[in-house]
Amino acid sequence: MSIFAGRTRLSVWALLAVAAAALLGACGGDGDETLTVYSGRSETLVQPVIDQFTDATGIEVAVKYGGTAELAATLLEEGDRTPADVFYAQDPGGIGSVESLLGQLDSSTLARVPEWARSPDGLWTGVSGRARVLVYNPERVSEAELPRTIEELTDPKWRGRVGWAPTNGSFLTMVTGMRAVWGEERTRAWVEGMVANDTAVYPKNTPQVAATGAGEIDIGLVNHYYLYRFVAEEGEDFPARNYHLPGGGPGSLVMVSGVGVLEASDNKELAQQFINFLLSTVAQQYFASQTYEYPLVEGVNVSRLLTPLDEIEQPQIRLADLSDLAGAQDLLRAAGALP
């Protein structure tokens, strides 16, 4: 992929944005309305979409950025006193952990995404999909040498060669999935094995991909799309590749970013409009072509770089079963992965 190709995608996004502004302008605000969003998604990934929503509707958006688990804990502490209108979580575990604070979404909104990608109770919807992968350096390890299961990473041959981000929301959701599929004892044994194997600790996904490309580690446990941002900036020779674990284990979990409206919000109509925009063809194409995620709305082109969703061997688990992030954090602390 060339930098020129990246610029072409940006131009397409700009044209689509103009179309969105024309489409939504008729139902826009009067310019003095403000929506408050708590976002567990990073500013670099989602601020362009939020800015376009404001351009199209006239509704200002005040965003509080932070980790998904951190913001979920804040919402639970604030309760019905929260100033937030919308919670935009990095993963289903984060949004699921605050379901008791969310209000019902419009049925027409829920119908835009597949049933598997939304709350069974209609309290939140997925926005875009992401897959857990191993990012690896092909100059240091061949694909044939890679493990067949995530449990194999505790083998002594991988000592000091693997990285993870145990405070990251998506990682916590993966561990929650492990607990649902494997049970508490087996999951704790895996975490303890990873700690004993001198797994390198990183604050989030991006530094893992950078470290993999630099040869500091051979393998990182990340979401799939982080690699493609490096490739877009540094070219196809960037020395890292994604690997989807076979066998349908929790290491190949496919998650969604999730969004919902706080029941305590006084701006539910604006919040619903914001969510509808995230599920518009325009915003979905942005996620597909600019952040390399899987769109959830039909009719949106997926990046040619991505492994098709139906080719990923996913674990048999409902996204609604991934809400116990606190339980995952407790397990990680008990196993020595968190202080």
C-alpha atoms as a PDB file:
ATOM      1  CA  MET A   1       0.000   0.000   0.000  1.00  0.00           C
ATOM      2  CA  SER A   2       1.395   3.393  -0.901  1.00  0.00           C
ATOM      3  CA  ILE A   3       1.046   6.754   0.797  1.00  0.00           C
ATOM      4  CA  PHE A   4      -0.642   7.907  -2.408  1.00  0.00           C
ATOM      5  CA  ALA A   5      -3.268   5.205  -1.913  1.00  0.00           C
ATOM      6  CA  GLY A   6      -3.850   6.531   1.596  1.00  0.00           C
ATOM      7  CA  ARG A   7      -4.384  10.030   0.226  1.00  0.00           C
ATOM      8  CA  THR A   8      -6.848   8.655  -2.308  1.00  0.00           C
ATOM      9  CA  ARG A   9      -8.880   7.108   0.485  1.00  0.00           C
ATOM     10  CA  LEU A  10      -8.860  10.409   2.338  1.00  0.00           C
ATOM     11  CA  SER A  11     -10.170  12.156  -0.773  1.00  0.00           C
ATOM     12  CA  VAL A  12     -12.982   9.616  -1.060  1.00  0.00           C
ATOM     13  CA  TRP A  13     -13.790  10.165   2.609  1.00  0.00           C
ATOM     14  CA  ALA A  14     -13.916  13.916   2.050  1.00  0.00           C
ATOM     15  CA  LEU A  15     -16.374  13.495  -0.822  1.00  0.00           C
ATOM     16  CA  LEU A  16     -18.538  11.168   1.237  1.00  0.00           C
ATOM     17  CA  ALA A  17     -18.447  13.653   4.098  1.00  0.00           C
ATOM     18  CA  VAL A  18     -19.788  16.400   1.843  1.00  0.00           C
ATOM     19  CA  ALA A  19     -22.610  14.073   0.831  1.00  0.00           C
ATOM     20  CA  ALA A  20     -23.375  13.338   4.474  1.00  0.00           C
ATOM     21  CA  ALA A  21     -23.490  17.021   5.321  1.00  0.00           C
ATOM     22  CA  ALA A  22     -26.002  17.618   2.542  1.00  0.00           C
ATOM     23  CA  LEU A  23     -28.070  14.633   3.611  1.00  0.00           C
ATOM     24  CA  LEU A  24     -28.189  15.450   7.317  1.00  0.00           C
ATOM     25  CA  GLY A  25     -28.197  19.209   7.086  1.00  0.00           C
ATOM     26  CA  ALA A  26     -31.974  19.324   6.888  1.00  0.00           C
ATOM     27  CA  CYS A  27     -32.286  17.607  10.263  1.00  0.00           C
ATOM     28  CA  GLY A  28     -29.376  19.420  11.887  1.00  0.00           C
ATOM     29  CA  GLY A  29     -29.383  21.344  15.128  1.00  0.00           C
ATOM     30  CA  ASP A  30     -29.597  25.081  15.610  1.00  0.00           C
ATOM     31  CA  GLY A  31     -25.891  25.410  16.394  1.00  0.00           C
ATOM     32  CA  ASP A  32     -26.151  25.848  20.185  1.00  0.00           C
ATOM     33  CA  GLU A  33     -26.829  22.216  21.124  1.00  0.00           C
ATOM     34  CA  THR A  34     -24.088  20.156  22.775  1.00  0.00           C
ATOM     35  CA  LEU A  35     -23.807  16.407  23.195  1.00  0.00           C
ATOM     36  CA  THR A  36     -21.445  14.875  25.778  1.00  0.00           C
ATOM     37  CA  VAL A  37     -19.731  11.645  24.751  1.00  0.00           C
ATOM     38  CA  TYR A  38     -17.498   9.441  26.887  1.00  0.00           C
ATOM     39  CA  SER A  39     -15.228   7.703  24.368  1.00  0.00           C
ATOM     40  CA  GLY A  40     -13.086   4.669  25.100  1.00  0.00           C
ATOM     41  CA  ARG A  41     -12.002   4.817  21.473  1.00  0.00           C
ATOM     42  CA  SER A  42      -8.898   6.897  20.827  1.00  0.00           C
ATOM     43  CA  GLU A  43      -9.135  10.454  19.563  1.00  0.00           C
ATOM     44  CA  THR A  44      -7.055   9.730  16.463  1.00  0.00           C
ATOM     45  CA  LEU A  45      -9.489   7.021  15.358  1.00  0.00           C
ATOM     46  CA  VAL A  46     -12.878   8.616  15.941  1.00  0.00           C
ATOM     47  CA  GLN A  47     -12.505  12.402  16.142  1.00  0.00           C
ATOM     48  CA  PRO A  48     -12.738  12.779  12.328  1.00  0.00           C
ATOM     49  CA  VAL A  49     -16.171  11.108  12.387  1.00  0.00           C
ATOM     50  CA  ILE A  50     -17.301  13.197  15.345  1.00  0.00           C
ATOM     51  CA  ASP A  51     -16.186  16.387  13.585  1.00  0.00           C
ATOM     52  CA  GLN A  52     -18.136  15.382  10.501  1.00  0.00           C
ATOM     53  CA  PHE A  53     -21.243  14.771  12.603  1.00  0.00           C
ATOM     54  CA  THR A  54     -20.937  18.327  13.931  1.00  0.00           C
ATOM     55  CA  ASP A  55     -20.404  19.720  10.424  1.00  0.00           C
ATOM     56  CA  ALA A  56     -23.456  17.857   9.143  1.00  0.00           C
ATOM     57  CA  THR A  57     -25.844  18.628  12.003  1.00  0.00           C
ATOM     58  CA  GLY A  58     -24.592  21.730  13.796  1.00  0.00           C
ATOM     59  CA  ILE A  59     -24.564  19.751  17.053  1.00  0.00           C
ATOM     60  CA  GLU A  60     -21.411  20.346  19.081  1.00  0.00           C
ATOM     61  CA  VAL A  61     -19.881  17.293  20.740  1.00  0.00           C
ATOM     62  CA  ALA A  62     -17.868  17.490  23.957  1.00  0.00           C
ATOM     63  CA  VAL A  63     -15.761  14.332  24.201  1.00  0.00           C
ATOM     64  CA  LYS A  64     -14.134  12.856  27.287  1.00  0.00           C
ATOM     65  CA  TYR A  65     -11.477  10.409  26.078  1.00  0.00           C
ATOM     66  CA  GLY A  66     -10.053   7.642  28.229  1.00  0.00           C
ATOM     67  CA  GLY A  67      -9.669   3.902  28.544  1.00  0.00           C
ATOM     68  CA  THR A  68     -12.902   1.971  28.104  1.00  0.00           C
ATOM     69  CA  ALA A  69     -12.598   0.173  31.458  1.00  0.00           C
ATOM     70  CA  GLU A  70     -11.725   3.454  33.194  1.00  0.00           C
ATOM     71  CA  LEU A  71     -14.701   5.296  31.683  1.00  0.00           C
ATOM     72  CA  ALA A  72     -17.051   2.413  32.466  1.00  0.00           C
ATOM     73  CA  ALA A  73     -15.953   2.595  36.105  1.00  0.00           C
ATOM     74  CA  THR A  74     -16.530   6.363  36.057  1.00  0.00           C
ATOM     75  CA  LEU A  75     -20.046   5.920  34.687  1.00  0.00           C
ATOM     76  CA  LEU A  76     -20.885   3.331  37.338  1.00  0.00           C
ATOM     77  CA  GLU A  77     -19.628   5.703  40.021  1.00  0.00           C
ATOM     78  CA  GLU A  78     -21.525   8.693  38.608  1.00  0.00           C
ATOM     79  CA  GLY A  79     -24.750   6.759  38.125  1.00  0.00           C
ATOM     80  CA  ASP A  80     -27.724   8.944  37.235  1.00  0.00           C
ATOM     81  CA  ARG A  81     -25.611  12.048  37.993  1.00  0.00           C
ATOM     82  CA  THR A  82     -23.383  11.501  34.972  1.00  0.00           C
ATOM     83  CA  PRO A  83     -23.028  14.375  32.499  1.00  0.00           C
ATOM     84  CA  ALA A  84     -22.552  11.847  29.686  1.00  0.00           C
ATOM     85  CA  ASP A  85     -25.208  11.419  27.024  1.00  0.00           C
ATOM     86  CA  VAL A  86     -23.418   8.685  25.054  1.00  0.00           C
ATOM     87  CA  PHE A  87     -20.884   5.997  25.928  1.00  0.00           C
ATOM     88  CA  TYR A  88     -18.751   4.898  22.970  1.00  0.00           C
ATOM     89  CA  ALA A  89     -16.764   1.871  24.113  1.00  0.00           C
ATOM     90  CA  GLN A  90     -13.817   0.158  22.497  1.00  0.00           C
ATOM     91  CA  ASP A  91     -15.307  -3.277  23.058  1.00  0.00           C
ATOM     92  CA  PRO A  92     -18.499  -5.142  24.035  1.00  0.00           C
ATOM     93  CA  GLY A  93     -17.140  -5.861  27.498  1.00  0.00           C
ATOM     94  CA  GLY A  94     -16.952  -2.166  28.287  1.00  0.00           C
ATOM     95  CA  ILE A  95     -20.396  -1.260  27.001  1.00  0.00           C
ATOM     96  CA  GLY A  96     -21.907  -4.400  28.499  1.00  0.00           C
ATOM     97  CA  SER A  97     -20.569  -3.576  31.954  1.00  0.00           C
ATOM     98  CA  VAL A  98     -22.739  -0.427  32.104  1.00  0.00           C
ATOM     99  CA  GLU A  99     -25.919  -1.862  30.551  1.00  0.00           C
ATOM    100  CA  SER A 100     -27.858  -1.030  33.712  1.00  0.00           C
ATOM    101  CA  LEU A 101     -27.279   2.671  32.962  1.00  0.00           C
ATOM    102  CA  LEU A 102     -28.357   2.582  29.307  1.00  0.00           C
ATOM    103  CA  GLY A 103     -31.683   3.346  27.690  1.00  0.00           C
ATOM    104  CA  GLN A 104     -33.422   1.543  24.842  1.00  0.00           C
ATOM    105  CA  LEU A 105     -32.277   2.345  21.301  1.00  0.00           C
ATOM    106  CA  ASP A 106     -34.682   2.834  18.404  1.00  0.00           C
ATOM    107  CA  SER A 107     -35.584  -0.421  16.676  1.00  0.00           C
ATOM    108  CA  SER A 108     -34.712   1.094  13.291  1.00  0.00           C
ATOM    109  CA  THR A 109     -31.189   1.771  14.572  1.00  0.00           C
ATOM    110  CA  LEU A 110     -30.749  -1.754  15.892  1.00  0.00           C
ATOM    111  CA  ALA A 111     -31.967  -3.219  12.615  1.00  0.00           C
ATOM    112  CA  ARG A 112     -29.007  -1.715  10.746  1.00  0.00           C
ATOM    113  CA  VAL A 113     -26.505  -4.152  12.270  1.00  0.00           C
ATOM    114  CA  PRO A 114     -26.489  -7.966  12.475  1.00  0.00           C
ATOM    115  CA  GLU A 115     -28.138  -9.499  15.525  1.00  0.00           C
ATOM    116  CA  TRP A 116     -24.833 -10.913  16.799  1.00  0.00           C
ATOM    117  CA  ALA A 117     -23.326  -7.402  16.894  1.00  0.00           C
ATOM    118  CA  ARG A 118     -25.795  -5.727  19.248  1.00  0.00           C
ATOM    119  CA  SER A 119     -27.280  -6.056  22.703  1.00  0.00           C
ATOM    120  CA  PRO A 120     -30.002  -8.723  22.830  1.00  0.00           C
ATOM    121  CA  ASP A 121     -31.977  -6.286  24.990  1.00  0.00           C
ATOM    122  CA  GLY A 122     -31.595  -3.373  22.560  1.00  0.00           C
ATOM    123  CA  LEU A 123     -29.479  -1.283  24.939  1.00  0.00           C
ATOM    124  CA  TRP A 124     -26.419  -0.817  22.715  1.00  0.00           C
ATOM    125  CA  THR A 125     -25.281  -1.487  19.198  1.00  0.00           C
ATOM    126  CA  GLY A 126     -21.983  -2.396  17.634  1.00  0.00           C
ATOM    127  CA  VAL A 127     -20.418   0.222  15.362  1.00  0.00           C
ATOM    128  CA  SER A 128     -17.450  -1.547  13.767  1.00  0.00           C
ATOM    129  CA  GLY A 129     -15.769  -4.932  14.084  1.00  0.00           C
ATOM    130  CA  ARG A 130     -12.216  -5.842  15.061  1.00  0.00           C
ATOM    131  CA  ALA A 131     -10.450  -9.164  15.379  1.00  0.00           C
ATOM    132  CA  ARG A 132      -7.865 -10.236  17.919  1.00  0.00           C
ATOM    133  CA  VAL A 133      -4.678 -11.368  16.184  1.00  0.00           C
ATOM    134  CA  LEU A 134      -1.034 -12.106  16.768  1.00  0.00           C
ATOM    135  CA  VAL A 135       1.097  -9.461  15.061  1.00  0.00           C
ATOM    136  CA  TYR A 136       4.498 -10.948  14.283  1.00  0.00           C
ATOM    137  CA  ASN A 137       7.818 -10.017  12.699  1.00  0.00           C
ATOM    138  CA  PRO A 138       8.377 -12.290   9.654  1.00  0.00           C
ATOM    139  CA  GLU A 139      12.093 -11.491   9.720  1.00  0.00           C
ATOM    140  CA  ARG A 140      12.344 -13.149  13.141  1.00  0.00           C
ATOM    141  CA  VAL A 141       9.714 -15.878  13.003  1.00  0.00           C
ATOM    142  CA  SER A 142       8.021 -17.598  10.068  1.00  0.00           C
ATOM    143  CA  GLU A 143       4.277 -18.173   9.900  1.00  0.00           C
ATOM    144  CA  ALA A 144       4.941 -21.923  10.055  1.00  0.00           C
ATOM    145  CA  GLU A 145       6.598 -21.439  13.456  1.00  0.00           C
ATOM    146  CA  LEU A 146       3.673 -19.538  14.942  1.00  0.00           C
ATOM    147  CA  PRO A 147       1.528 -21.273  17.572  1.00  0.00           C
ATOM    148  CA  ARG A 148      -1.749 -22.917  16.674  1.00  0.00           C
ATOM    149  CA  THR A 149      -3.360 -21.794  19.932  1.00  0.00           C
ATOM    150  CA  ILE A 150      -2.824 -18.839  22.240  1.00  0.00           C
ATOM    151  CA  GLU A 151      -2.004 -21.256  25.066  1.00  0.00           C
ATOM    152  CA  GLU A 152       1.176 -22.293  23.258  1.00  0.00           C
ATOM    153  CA  LEU A 153       2.647 -18.849  23.959  1.00  0.00           C
ATOM    154  CA  THR A 154       3.434 -20.074  27.484  1.00  0.00           C
ATOM    155  CA  ASP A 155       5.963 -22.533  26.009  1.00  0.00           C
ATOM    156  CA  PRO A 156       9.513 -21.666  27.176  1.00  0.00           C
ATOM    157  CA  LYS A 157      10.618 -21.212  23.561  1.00  0.00           C
ATOM    158  CA  TRP A 158       8.618 -17.947  23.531  1.00  0.00           C
ATOM    159  CA  ARG A 159      10.200 -16.607  26.728  1.00  0.00           C
ATOM    160  CA  GLY A 160      10.817 -12.866  26.413  1.00  0.00           C
ATOM    161  CA  ARG A 161       9.651 -12.835  22.784  1.00  0.00           C
ATOM    162  CA  VAL A 162       5.984 -11.868  23.259  1.00  0.00           C
ATOM    163  CA  GLY A 163       4.233  -8.641  24.261  1.00  0.00           C
ATOM    164  CA  TRP A 164       0.807  -7.810  25.673  1.00  0.00           C
ATOM    165  CA  ALA A 165      -1.152  -4.851  27.071  1.00  0.00           C
ATOM    166  CA  PRO A 166      -2.968  -6.182  30.163  1.00  0.00           C
ATOM    167  CA  THR A 167      -4.713  -2.877  30.958  1.00  0.00           C
ATOM    168  CA  ASN A 168      -6.125  -2.482  27.430  1.00  0.00           C
ATOM    169  CA  GLY A 169      -9.893  -2.784  27.098  1.00  0.00           C
ATOM    170  CA  SER A 170      -9.803  -5.199  24.159  1.00  0.00           C
ATOM    171  CA  PHE A 171      -7.300  -7.418  25.965  1.00  0.00           C
ATOM    172  CA  LEU A 172      -9.562  -7.449  29.031  1.00  0.00           C
ATOM    173  CA  THR A 173     -12.464  -8.461  26.807  1.00  0.00           C
ATOM    174  CA  MET A 174     -10.382 -11.298  25.342  1.00  0.00           C
ATOM    175  CA  VAL A 175      -9.583 -12.518  28.868  1.00  0.00           C
ATOM    176  CA  THR A 176     -13.290 -12.293  29.679  1.00  0.00           C
ATOM    177  CA  GLY A 177     -13.898 -14.472  26.622  1.00  0.00           C
ATOM    178  CA  MET A 178     -11.298 -16.947  27.869  1.00  0.00           C
ATOM    179  CA  ARG A 179     -13.112 -17.182  31.193  1.00  0.00           C
ATOM    180  CA  ALA A 180     -16.391 -17.820  29.376  1.00  0.00           C
ATOM    181  CA  VAL A 181     -14.903 -20.512  27.105  1.00  0.00           C
ATOM    182  CA  TRP A 182     -12.188 -22.076  29.279  1.00  0.00           C
ATOM    183  CA  GLY A 183     -13.307 -21.341  32.809  1.00  0.00           C
ATOM    184  CA  GLU A 184     -11.520 -19.489  35.603  1.00  0.00           C
ATOM    185  CA  GLU A 185      -8.831 -22.062  36.424  1.00  0.00           C
ATOM    186  CA  ARG A 186      -7.578 -22.619  32.889  1.00  0.00           C
ATOM    187  CA  THR A 187      -7.566 -18.886  32.139  1.00  0.00           C
ATOM    188  CA  ARG A 188      -5.602 -18.095  35.292  1.00  0.00           C
ATOM    189  CA  ALA A 189      -3.094 -20.827  34.436  1.00  0.00           C
ATOM    190  CA  TRP A 190      -2.561 -19.205  31.019  1.00  0.00           C
ATOM    191  CA  VAL A 191      -2.037 -15.750  32.516  1.00  0.00           C
ATOM    192  CA  GLU A 192       0.382 -17.111  35.123  1.00  0.00           C
ATOM    193  CA  GLY A 193       2.259 -18.934  32.365  1.00  0.00           C
ATOM    194  CA  MET A 194       2.552 -15.737  30.332  1.00  0.00           C
ATOM    195  CA  VAL A 195       3.853 -13.810  33.354  1.00  0.00           C
ATOM    196  CA  ALA A 196       6.371 -16.563  34.095  1.00  0.00           C
ATOM    197  CA  ASN A 197       7.467 -16.447  30.453  1.00  0.00           C
ATOM    198  CA  ASP A 198       8.599 -12.816  30.821  1.00  0.00           C
ATOM    199  CA  THR A 199       5.921 -11.395  28.519  1.00  0.00           C
ATOM    200  CA  ALA A 200       6.771  -7.744  27.801  1.00  0.00           C
ATOM    201  CA  VAL A 201       4.190  -5.255  29.084  1.00  0.00           C
ATOM    202  CA  TYR A 202       2.975  -2.349  26.931  1.00  0.00           C
ATOM    203  CA  PRO A 203       0.368   0.322  27.701  1.00  0.00           C
ATOM    204  CA  LYS A 204      -1.722  -0.393  24.595  1.00  0.00           C
ATOM    205  CA  ASN A 205      -1.752  -1.934  21.110  1.00  0.00           C
ATOM    206  CA  THR A 206       0.173   0.629  19.051  1.00  0.00           C
ATOM    207  CA  PRO A 207       3.480   0.304  20.970  1.00  0.00           C
ATOM    208  CA  GLN A 208       3.286  -3.467  20.563  1.00  0.00           C
ATOM    209  CA  VAL A 209       3.100  -3.185  16.788  1.00  0.00           C
ATOM    210  CA  ALA A 210       5.979  -0.697  16.808  1.00  0.00           C
ATOM    211  CA  ALA A 211       8.041  -3.007  19.024  1.00  0.00           C
ATOM    212  CA  THR A 212       7.287  -5.964  16.762  1.00  0.00           C
ATOM    213  CA  GLY A 213       8.400  -4.052  13.683  1.00  0.00           C
ATOM    214  CA  ALA A 214      11.560  -2.908  15.488  1.00  0.00           C
ATOM    215  CA  GLY A 215      12.440  -6.456  16.509  1.00  0.00           C
ATOM    216  CA  GLU A 216      12.086  -5.792  20.245  1.00  0.00           C
ATOM    217  CA  ILE A 217       9.534  -8.609  20.419  1.00  0.00           C
ATOM    218  CA  ASP A 218       8.584 -11.275  17.910  1.00  0.00           C
ATOM    219  CA  ILE A 219       4.839 -11.386  18.641  1.00  0.00           C
ATOM    220  CA  GLY A 220       2.257  -8.990  20.073  1.00  0.00           C
ATOM    221  CA  LEU A 221      -1.341  -9.617  21.154  1.00  0.00           C
ATOM    222  CA  VAL A 222      -3.352  -6.856  19.450  1.00  0.00           C
ATOM    223  CA  ASN A 223      -6.407  -5.922  17.412  1.00  0.00           C
ATOM    224  CA  HIS A 224      -5.989  -6.466  13.683  1.00  0.00           C
ATOM    225  CA  TYR A 225      -6.234  -2.879  12.420  1.00  0.00           C
ATOM    226  CA  TYR A 226      -3.260  -1.336  14.209  1.00  0.00           C
ATOM    227  CA  LEU A 227      -0.816  -2.959  11.794  1.00  0.00           C
ATOM    228  CA  TYR A 228      -2.381  -1.315   8.740  1.00  0.00           C
ATOM    229  CA  ARG A 229      -1.856   2.169  10.146  1.00  0.00           C
ATOM    230  CA  PHE A 230       1.896   1.445  10.229  1.00  0.00           C
ATOM    231  CA  VAL A 231       1.804  -0.003   6.716  1.00  0.00           C
ATOM    232  CA  ALA A 232      -0.023   3.093   5.437  1.00  0.00           C
ATOM    233  CA  GLU A 233       2.634   5.366   6.930  1.00  0.00           C
ATOM    234  CA  GLU A 234       5.781   3.314   6.341  1.00  0.00           C
ATOM    235  CA  GLY A 235       4.916   1.181   3.311  1.00  0.00           C
ATOM    236  CA  GLU A 236       4.400  -2.494   2.619  1.00  0.00           C
ATOM    237  CA  ASP A 237       7.954  -3.317   3.705  1.00  0.00           C
ATOM    238  CA  PHE A 238       7.110  -2.588   7.344  1.00  0.00           C
ATOM    239  CA  PRO A 239       8.303  -5.838   8.984  1.00  0.00           C
ATOM    240  CA  ALA A 240       5.127  -7.061  10.657  1.00  0.00           C
ATOM    241  CA  ARG A 241       2.161  -9.210   9.655  1.00  0.00           C
ATOM    242  CA  ASN A 242      -1.110 -10.302  11.229  1.00  0.00           C
ATOM    243  CA  TYR A 243      -1.886 -13.908  12.076  1.00  0.00           C
ATOM    244  CA  HIS A 244      -5.373 -15.201  12.878  1.00  0.00           C
ATOM    245  CA  LEU A 245      -5.143 -18.166  15.236  1.00  0.00           C
ATOM    246  CA  PRO A 246      -6.958 -21.239  13.878  1.00  0.00           C
ATOM    247  CA  GLY A 247      -9.187 -23.592  15.816  1.00  0.00           C
ATOM    248  CA  GLY A 248     -11.892 -21.249  17.069  1.00  0.00           C
ATOM    249  CA  GLY A 249     -10.279 -20.432  20.415  1.00  0.00           C
ATOM    250  CA  PRO A 250     -10.638 -17.172  22.380  1.00  0.00           C
ATOM    251  CA  GLY A 251      -7.406 -15.858  20.865  1.00  0.00           C
ATOM    252  CA  SER A 252      -9.308 -15.273  17.614  1.00  0.00           C
ATOM    253  CA  LEU A 253     -12.197 -13.404  19.203  1.00  0.00           C
ATOM    254  CA  VAL A 254     -14.004 -10.914  16.957  1.00  0.00           C
ATOM    255  CA  MET A 255     -15.361  -7.962  18.915  1.00  0.00           C
ATOM    256  CA  VAL A 256     -17.256  -4.797  18.132  1.00  0.00           C
ATOM    257  CA  SER A 257     -16.922  -1.266  19.381  1.00  0.00           C
ATOM    258  CA  GLY A 258     -20.206  -0.471  21.088  1.00  0.00           C
ATOM    259  CA  VAL A 259     -22.280   2.642  21.657  1.00  0.00           C
ATOM    260  CA  GLY A 260     -25.315   3.390  23.796  1.00  0.00           C
ATOM    261  CA  VAL A 261     -27.365   6.255  25.225  1.00  0.00           C
ATOM    262  CA  LEU A 262     -27.327   6.927  28.967  1.00  0.00           C
ATOM    263  CA  GLU A 263     -30.786   6.643  30.505  1.00  0.00           C
ATOM    264  CA  ALA A 264     -30.002   9.732  32.600  1.00  0.00           C
ATOM    265  CA  SER A 265     -29.353  11.844  29.491  1.00  0.00           C
ATOM    266  CA  ASP A 266     -31.506  14.893  28.812  1.00  0.00           C
ATOM    267  CA  ASN A 267     -30.393  14.795  25.167  1.00  0.00           C
ATOM    268  CA  LYS A 268     -31.664  11.395  24.081  1.00  0.00           C
ATOM    269  CA  GLU A 269     -32.883  12.620  20.692  1.00  0.00           C
ATOM    270  CA  LEU A 270     -29.491  14.138  19.864  1.00  0.00           C
ATOM    271  CA  ALA A 271     -27.738  11.040  21.179  1.00  0.00           C
ATOM    272  CA  GLN A 272     -29.866   8.823  18.962  1.00  0.00           C
ATOM    273  CA  GLN A 273     -29.028  11.047  15.993  1.00  0.00           C
ATOM    274  CA  PHE A 274     -25.323  10.661  16.788  1.00  0.00           C
ATOM    275  CA  ILE A 275     -25.593   6.875  16.857  1.00  0.00           C
ATOM    276  CA  ASN A 276     -27.523   6.861  13.592  1.00  0.00           C
ATOM    277  CA  PHE A 277     -24.684   8.844  12.040  1.00  0.00           C
ATOM    278  CA  LEU A 278     -22.111   6.297  13.246  1.00  0.00           C
ATOM    279  CA  LEU A 279     -24.154   3.645  11.440  1.00  0.00           C
ATOM    280  CA  SER A 280     -24.575   5.691   8.263  1.00  0.00           C
ATOM    281  CA  THR A 281     -22.937   4.440   5.080  1.00  0.00           C
ATOM    282  CA  VAL A 282     -20.601   7.423   5.182  1.00  0.00           C
ATOM    283  CA  ALA A 283     -19.266   6.749   8.679  1.00  0.00           C
ATOM    284  CA  GLN A 284     -19.109   3.011   8.075  1.00  0.00           C
ATOM    285  CA  GLN A 285     -17.026   3.565   4.938  1.00  0.00           C
ATOM    286  CA  TYR A 286     -14.682   5.737   6.996  1.00  0.00           C
ATOM    287  CA  PHE A 287     -14.134   2.906   9.465  1.00  0.00           C
ATOM    288  CA  ALA A 288     -13.577   0.457   6.614  1.00  0.00           C
ATOM    289  CA  SER A 289     -11.176   2.541   4.528  1.00  0.00           C
ATOM    290  CA  GLN A 290      -9.465   4.798   7.066  1.00  0.00           C
ATOM    291  CA  THR A 291      -9.192   2.734  10.261  1.00  0.00           C
ATOM    292  CA  TYR A 292      -9.279  -0.700   8.557  1.00  0.00           C
ATOM    293  CA  GLU A 293     -12.105  -2.065  10.683  1.00  0.00           C
ATOM    294  CA  TYR A 294     -14.963  -4.313   9.654  1.00  0.00           C
ATOM    295  CA  PRO A 295     -18.118  -2.328   8.795  1.00  0.00           C
ATOM    296  CA  LEU A 296     -21.307  -3.737  10.309  1.00  0.00           C
ATOM    297  CA  VAL A 297     -23.797  -2.161   7.903  1.00  0.00           C
ATOM    298  CA  GLU A 298     -24.597  -3.892   4.617  1.00  0.00           C
ATOM    299  CA  GLY A 299     -23.421  -2.347   1.372  1.00  0.00           C
ATOM    300  CA  VAL A 300     -20.113  -0.986   2.674  1.00  0.00           C
ATOM    301  CA  ASN A 301     -16.904  -2.139   1.016  1.00  0.00           C
ATOM    302  CA  VAL A 302     -14.374  -3.896   3.245  1.00  0.00           C
ATOM    303  CA  SER A 303     -10.670  -3.142   2.790  1.00  0.00           C
ATOM    304  CA  ARG A 304      -8.975  -5.675   0.527  1.00  0.00           C
ATOM    305  CA  LEU A 305      -6.258  -5.999   3.182  1.00  0.00           C
ATOM    306  CA  LEU A 306      -8.587  -7.647   5.688  1.00  0.00           C
ATOM    307  CA  THR A 307      -9.242 -11.337   6.119  1.00  0.00           C
ATOM    308  CA  PRO A 308     -12.985 -11.809   5.460  1.00  0.00           C
ATOM    309  CA  LEU A 309     -14.936 -12.288   8.682  1.00  0.00           C
ATOM    310  CA  ASP A 310     -16.323 -15.614   7.522  1.00  0.00           C
ATOM    311  CA  GLU A 311     -12.768 -16.944   7.165  1.00  0.00           C
ATOM    312  CA  ILE A 312     -11.836 -16.207  10.786  1.00  0.00           C
ATOM    313  CA  GLU A 313     -12.333 -19.219  13.059  1.00  0.00           C
ATOM    314  CA  GLN A 314     -14.110 -17.515  15.936  1.00  0.00           C
ATOM    315  CA  PRO A 315     -14.978 -18.956  19.352  1.00  0.00           C
ATOM    316  CA  GLN A 316     -18.607 -19.810  20.024  1.00  0.00           C
ATOM    317  CA  ILE A 317     -19.448 -17.016  22.420  1.00  0.00           C
ATOM    318  CA  ARG A 318     -22.049 -14.266  22.570  1.00  0.00           C
ATOM    319  CA  LEU A 319     -20.826 -10.690  22.812  1.00  0.00           C
ATOM    320  CA  ALA A 320     -23.359 -10.221  25.598  1.00  0.00           C
ATOM    321  CA  ASP A 321     -21.304 -12.684  27.692  1.00  0.00           C
ATOM    322  CA  LEU A 322     -18.243 -10.404  27.668  1.00  0.00           C
ATOM    323  CA  SER A 323     -19.364  -7.779  30.170  1.00  0.00           C
ATOM    324  CA  ASP A 324     -17.470  -8.856  33.306  1.00  0.00           C
ATOM    325  CA  LEU A 325     -14.370  -6.691  32.859  1.00  0.00           C
ATOM    326  CA  ALA A 326     -13.995  -6.315  36.622  1.00  0.00           C
ATOM    327  CA  GLY A 327     -13.769 -10.094  36.935  1.00  0.00           C
ATOM    328  CA  ALA A 328     -11.058 -10.166  34.265  1.00  0.00           C
ATOM    329  CA  GLN A 329      -9.110  -7.462  36.096  1.00  0.00           C
ATOM    330  CA  ASP A 330      -9.391  -9.396  39.368  1.00  0.00           C
ATOM    331  CA  LEU A 331      -8.048 -12.526  37.687  1.00  0.00           C
ATOM    332  CA  LEU A 332      -5.139 -10.632  36.118  1.00  0.00           C
ATOM    333  CA  ARG A 333      -4.222  -9.139  39.492  1.00  0.00           C
ATOM    334  CA  ALA A 334      -4.391 -12.512  41.207  1.00  0.00           C
ATOM    335  CA  ALA A 335      -2.183 -14.019  38.487  1.00  0.00           C
ATOM    336  CA  GLY A 336       0.402 -11.237  38.724  1.00  0.00           C
ATOM    337  CA  ALA A 337      -0.300  -9.503  35.401  1.00  0.00           C
ATOM    338  CA  LEU A 338      -1.692  -6.341  37.024  1.00  0.00           C
ATOM    339  CA  PRO A 339      -0.538  -4.578  40.193  1.00  0.00           C
END
